[in-house]
């Protein structure tokens, strides 16, 4: 009986030790899970805050592009509406033609980090997550395609205005007229440029530029609204964390 009592006590002690070890392991696992969840949640918040900063930077760029397109459209239209541009010098008239294109300067660094981390599908709730991915994979891609389309036509127009046999142009972008001398006089250069503007080809190029920039302007305004809505959506979700 003494032996049996000792064995029973030993078994109870052993079972108690095993239970303590199991409970300790479970607690350690739970603490580890909590810690991993805390780290993951902090990373998610950091990424979303980074997205907000990136998209706000995009919005600034969209506003700059909207202003540039409006200026170019109004300058091109001025060459159709009246003859007051003929009072300007040749290089000032050429500024109204302006065939330079805009480049995409949207920021995707944070989103690329998110994709590499494998969190692109679990940043926020379903709607926020979908909106983020749509912005970077659909909206910006379409925006870039339009800018590329504008670039290709702008390069074609550039050759007409700056490398035309009938007009000695100043092809330097800042129109520094003192950079290199011209054989033609200022008056001749001006009159030659006016002839190009009033030519059928010149007017067709200007019409094409106006229509193209009006279309691209509409798209920039649309993507700006999408970006602003996305910032509001992300900030609302961050405020709930």
Protein backbone atom coordinates (compact mmCIF):
# COMPACT_ATOMS: atom_id res chain seq x y z
CA UNK A 1 0.00 0.00 0.00
CA UNK A 2 2.84 2.32 0.80
CA UNK A 3 4.31 1.58 -2.61
CA UNK A 4 0.98 2.21 -4.29
CA UNK A 5 0.58 5.53 -2.42
CA UNK A 6 4.05 6.62 -3.45
CA UNK A 7 3.37 5.71 -7.07
CA UNK A 8 0.06 7.61 -7.05
CA UNK A 9 1.72 10.68 -5.60
CA UNK A 10 4.48 10.40 -8.19
CA UNK A 11 1.96 10.15 -11.01
CA UNK A 12 0.02 13.14 -9.70
CA UNK A 13 3.25 15.10 -9.42
CA UNK A 14 4.32 14.08 -12.93
CA UNK A 15 0.92 14.96 -14.39
CA UNK A 16 1.03 18.30 -12.58
CA UNK A 17 4.48 19.01 -14.00
CA UNK A 18 3.35 18.10 -17.51
CA UNK A 19 0.30 20.33 -17.17
CA UNK A 20 2.46 23.21 -15.98
CA UNK A 21 4.78 22.71 -18.96
CA UNK A 22 1.83 22.56 -21.38
CA UNK A 23 0.25 25.65 -19.84
CA UNK A 24 3.59 27.43 -20.05
CA UNK A 25 3.95 26.51 -23.71
CA UNK A 26 0.40 27.65 -24.46
CA UNK A 27 1.00 30.95 -22.69
CA UNK A 28 4.27 31.44 -24.55
CA UNK A 29 2.57 30.68 -27.86
CA UNK A 30 -0.23 33.09 -27.05
CA UNK A 31 2.23 35.83 -26.10
CA UNK A 32 4.16 35.15 -29.31
CA UNK A 33 0.94 35.35 -31.34
CA UNK A 34 0.00 38.61 -29.63
CA UNK A 35 3.46 39.99 -30.30
CA UNK A 36 3.39 38.92 -33.96
CA UNK A 37 -0.09 40.39 -34.36
CA UNK A 38 1.08 43.64 -32.76
CA UNK A 39 4.09 43.83 -35.09
CA UNK A 40 1.95 42.95 -38.10
CA UNK A 41 -0.65 45.55 -37.16
CA UNK A 42 2.05 48.20 -36.69
CA UNK A 43 3.50 47.35 -40.10
CA UNK A 44 0.05 47.57 -41.65
CA UNK A 45 -0.56 50.98 -40.07
CA UNK A 46 2.89 52.22 -41.11
CA UNK A 47 2.26 51.10 -44.69
CA UNK A 48 -1.16 52.74 -44.81
CA UNK A 49 0.24 55.98 -43.41
CA UNK A 50 2.96 55.80 -46.07
CA UNK A 51 0.29 55.32 -48.75
CA UNK A 52 -1.53 58.42 -47.54
CA UNK A 53 1.66 60.49 -47.87
CA UNK A 54 2.38 59.05 -51.34
CA UNK A 55 -1.13 59.68 -52.63
CA UNK A 56 -1.17 63.22 -51.23
CA UNK A 57 2.05 63.79 -53.17
CA UNK A 58 0.30 62.42 -56.26
CA UNK A 59 -2.57 64.88 -55.74
CA UNK A 60 -0.11 67.79 -55.71
CA UNK A 61 1.27 66.50 -59.01
CA UNK A 62 -2.23 66.15 -60.46
CA UNK A 63 -2.98 69.76 -59.53
CA UNK A 64 0.23 70.91 -61.23
CA UNK A 65 -0.66 68.92 -64.35
CA UNK A 66 -4.19 70.31 -64.40
CA UNK A 67 -2.77 73.84 -64.27
CA UNK A 68 -0.28 73.05 -67.04
CA UNK A 69 -2.93 71.56 -69.31
CA UNK A 70 -5.28 74.49 -68.77
CA UNK A 71 -2.47 76.93 -69.60
CA UNK A 72 -1.51 75.03 -72.76
CA UNK A 73 -5.11 74.74 -73.93
CA UNK A 74 -5.79 78.44 -73.38
CA UNK A 75 -2.52 79.43 -75.09
CA UNK A 76 -3.29 77.24 -78.12
CA UNK A 77 -6.84 78.56 -78.32
CA UNK A 78 -5.53 82.12 -78.24
CA UNK A 79 -3.87 81.49 -81.60
CA UNK A 80 -7.33 80.76 -83.07
CA UNK A 81 -9.50 83.34 -81.34
CA UNK A 82 -7.85 86.63 -82.36
CA UNK A 83 -4.69 88.16 -83.79
CA UNK A 84 -3.37 89.83 -80.64
CA UNK A 85 -0.55 87.29 -80.44
CA UNK A 86 0.94 88.95 -83.53
CA UNK A 87 1.97 91.85 -81.32
CA UNK A 88 4.41 89.58 -79.49
CA UNK A 89 7.97 88.71 -80.49
CA UNK A 90 8.74 85.36 -82.16
CA UNK A 91 9.84 83.47 -79.05
CA UNK A 92 6.82 84.69 -77.05
CA UNK A 93 4.53 83.48 -79.82
CA UNK A 94 6.31 80.13 -79.79
CA UNK A 95 5.55 79.80 -76.07
CA UNK A 96 1.85 79.88 -76.96
CA UNK A 97 2.38 76.92 -79.29
CA UNK A 98 4.09 74.84 -76.54
CA UNK A 99 4.24 71.20 -77.59
CA UNK A 100 6.03 69.77 -74.58
CA UNK A 101 4.51 66.79 -72.80
CA UNK A 102 4.11 66.05 -69.11
CA UNK A 103 5.74 63.11 -67.35
CA UNK A 104 4.27 60.77 -64.78
CA UNK A 105 5.58 61.58 -61.31
CA UNK A 106 3.23 59.48 -59.21
CA UNK A 107 4.81 57.77 -56.20
CA UNK A 108 4.57 53.97 -55.92
CA UNK A 109 7.41 53.20 -53.49
CA UNK A 110 5.21 52.33 -50.51
CA UNK A 111 2.87 50.23 -52.62
CA UNK A 112 5.81 48.28 -54.06
CA UNK A 113 7.02 47.57 -50.51
CA UNK A 114 3.53 46.39 -49.60
CA UNK A 115 3.45 43.99 -52.55
CA UNK A 116 6.89 42.63 -51.66
CA UNK A 117 5.79 42.09 -48.06
CA UNK A 118 2.74 40.10 -49.18
CA UNK A 119 0.28 42.48 -47.52
CA UNK A 120 -1.37 43.86 -50.65
CA UNK A 121 -4.52 41.85 -49.93
CA UNK A 122 -4.76 42.46 -46.18
CA UNK A 123 -4.11 46.13 -45.52
CA UNK A 124 -7.60 47.11 -44.50
CA UNK A 125 -11.20 46.12 -44.94
CA UNK A 126 -12.31 44.67 -48.27
CA UNK A 127 -13.39 47.96 -49.83
CA UNK A 128 -10.25 49.85 -48.78
CA UNK A 129 -8.01 47.05 -49.96
CA UNK A 130 -9.75 46.87 -53.32
CA UNK A 131 -9.60 50.66 -53.75
CA UNK A 132 -5.85 50.73 -53.02
CA UNK A 133 -5.06 47.98 -55.52
CA UNK A 134 -7.35 49.50 -58.17
CA UNK A 135 -5.67 52.89 -57.81
CA UNK A 136 -2.17 51.52 -58.40
CA UNK A 137 -2.98 48.75 -60.88
CA UNK A 138 -5.74 50.35 -62.95
CA UNK A 139 -6.01 54.12 -62.45
CA UNK A 140 -2.31 54.95 -62.60
CA UNK A 141 -1.67 52.53 -65.46
CA UNK A 142 -4.37 54.20 -67.54
CA UNK A 143 -3.00 57.61 -66.59
CA UNK A 144 0.50 56.56 -67.70
CA UNK A 145 -0.89 55.27 -71.00
CA UNK A 146 -2.50 58.64 -71.70
CA UNK A 147 0.72 60.50 -70.88
CA UNK A 148 2.61 58.19 -73.24
CA UNK A 149 0.02 58.85 -75.94
CA UNK A 150 0.46 62.59 -75.42
CA UNK A 151 4.25 62.21 -75.52
CA UNK A 152 4.23 60.41 -78.88
CA UNK A 153 2.09 63.07 -80.56
CA UNK A 154 3.97 65.91 -78.87
CA UNK A 155 7.26 64.61 -80.26
CA UNK A 156 5.74 64.60 -83.74
CA UNK A 157 4.45 68.15 -83.33
CA UNK A 158 7.80 69.26 -81.92
CA UNK A 159 9.52 68.37 -85.19
CA UNK A 160 7.07 70.52 -87.14
CA UNK A 161 7.43 73.63 -84.98
CA UNK A 162 11.13 73.46 -84.16
CA UNK A 163 12.67 71.79 -87.21
CA UNK A 164 10.70 73.36 -90.03
CA UNK A 165 12.53 74.46 -93.18
CA UNK A 166 10.37 77.59 -93.35
CA UNK A 167 11.20 78.88 -89.89
CA UNK A 168 14.48 79.33 -88.02
CA UNK A 169 13.40 78.44 -84.52
CA UNK A 170 14.93 78.59 -81.10
CA UNK A 171 14.76 74.95 -80.06
CA UNK A 172 15.99 75.51 -76.52
CA UNK A 173 13.20 74.78 -74.09
CA UNK A 174 13.63 77.95 -72.04
CA UNK A 175 13.60 80.00 -75.23
CA UNK A 176 16.89 81.72 -74.40
CA UNK A 177 17.06 83.86 -77.53
CA UNK A 178 20.60 84.94 -76.69
CA UNK A 179 21.97 81.41 -76.80
CA UNK A 180 22.76 81.29 -80.51
CA UNK A 181 22.49 83.91 -83.28
CA UNK A 182 19.94 83.65 -86.11
CA UNK A 183 20.56 84.37 -89.77
CA UNK A 184 17.00 85.62 -90.21
CA UNK A 185 15.97 88.88 -88.61
CA UNK A 186 13.56 88.95 -85.69
CA UNK A 187 10.82 90.31 -87.96
CA UNK A 188 11.34 87.57 -90.55
CA UNK A 189 11.37 84.84 -87.92
CA UNK A 190 8.16 86.25 -86.48
CA UNK A 191 6.42 86.44 -89.84
CA UNK A 192 7.60 82.94 -90.78
CA UNK A 193 6.23 81.57 -87.50
CA UNK A 194 2.90 83.30 -88.02
CA UNK A 195 2.69 81.70 -91.47
CA UNK A 196 3.24 78.28 -89.90
CA UNK A 197 0.52 78.95 -87.32
CA UNK A 198 -1.91 80.06 -90.01
CA UNK A 199 -1.06 77.16 -92.35
CA UNK A 200 -3.48 74.26 -92.66
CA UNK A 201 -0.98 71.82 -91.16
CA UNK A 202 -0.12 74.16 -88.34
CA UNK A 203 -3.76 74.73 -87.43
CA UNK A 204 -4.43 71.00 -87.59
CA UNK A 205 -1.54 70.36 -85.21
CA UNK A 206 -2.86 73.00 -82.83
CA UNK A 207 -6.39 71.58 -82.98
CA UNK A 208 -5.01 68.11 -82.29
CA UNK A 209 -3.02 69.40 -79.31
CA UNK A 210 -6.09 71.16 -77.86
CA UNK A 211 -8.30 68.09 -78.25
CA UNK A 212 -5.63 65.78 -76.86
CA UNK A 213 -4.94 67.96 -73.85
CA UNK A 214 -8.65 68.42 -73.16
CA UNK A 215 -9.04 64.65 -73.09
CA UNK A 216 -5.99 64.16 -70.87
CA UNK A 217 -7.09 67.03 -68.60
CA UNK A 218 -10.43 65.28 -68.06
CA UNK A 219 -8.60 62.12 -67.06
CA UNK A 220 -6.26 63.94 -64.65
CA UNK A 221 -9.26 65.52 -62.93
CA UNK A 222 -10.89 62.09 -62.63
CA UNK A 223 -7.84 60.38 -61.14
CA UNK A 224 -7.39 63.30 -58.74
CA UNK A 225 -10.91 62.67 -57.38
CA UNK A 226 -10.12 58.95 -57.05
CA UNK A 227 -6.92 59.79 -55.15
CA UNK A 228 -8.70 62.22 -52.82
CA UNK A 229 -11.42 59.68 -52.05
CA UNK A 230 -8.81 57.00 -51.39
CA UNK A 231 -6.96 59.23 -48.93
CA UNK A 232 -10.21 59.86 -47.05
CA UNK A 233 -10.99 56.13 -47.01
CA UNK A 234 -7.58 55.15 -45.65
CA UNK A 235 -7.58 57.92 -43.03
CA UNK A 236 -11.02 56.85 -41.79
CA UNK A 237 -9.79 53.30 -41.37
CA UNK A 238 -6.62 54.45 -39.58
CA UNK A 239 -8.72 56.49 -37.16
CA UNK A 240 -10.59 53.30 -36.20
CA UNK A 241 -7.42 51.38 -35.31
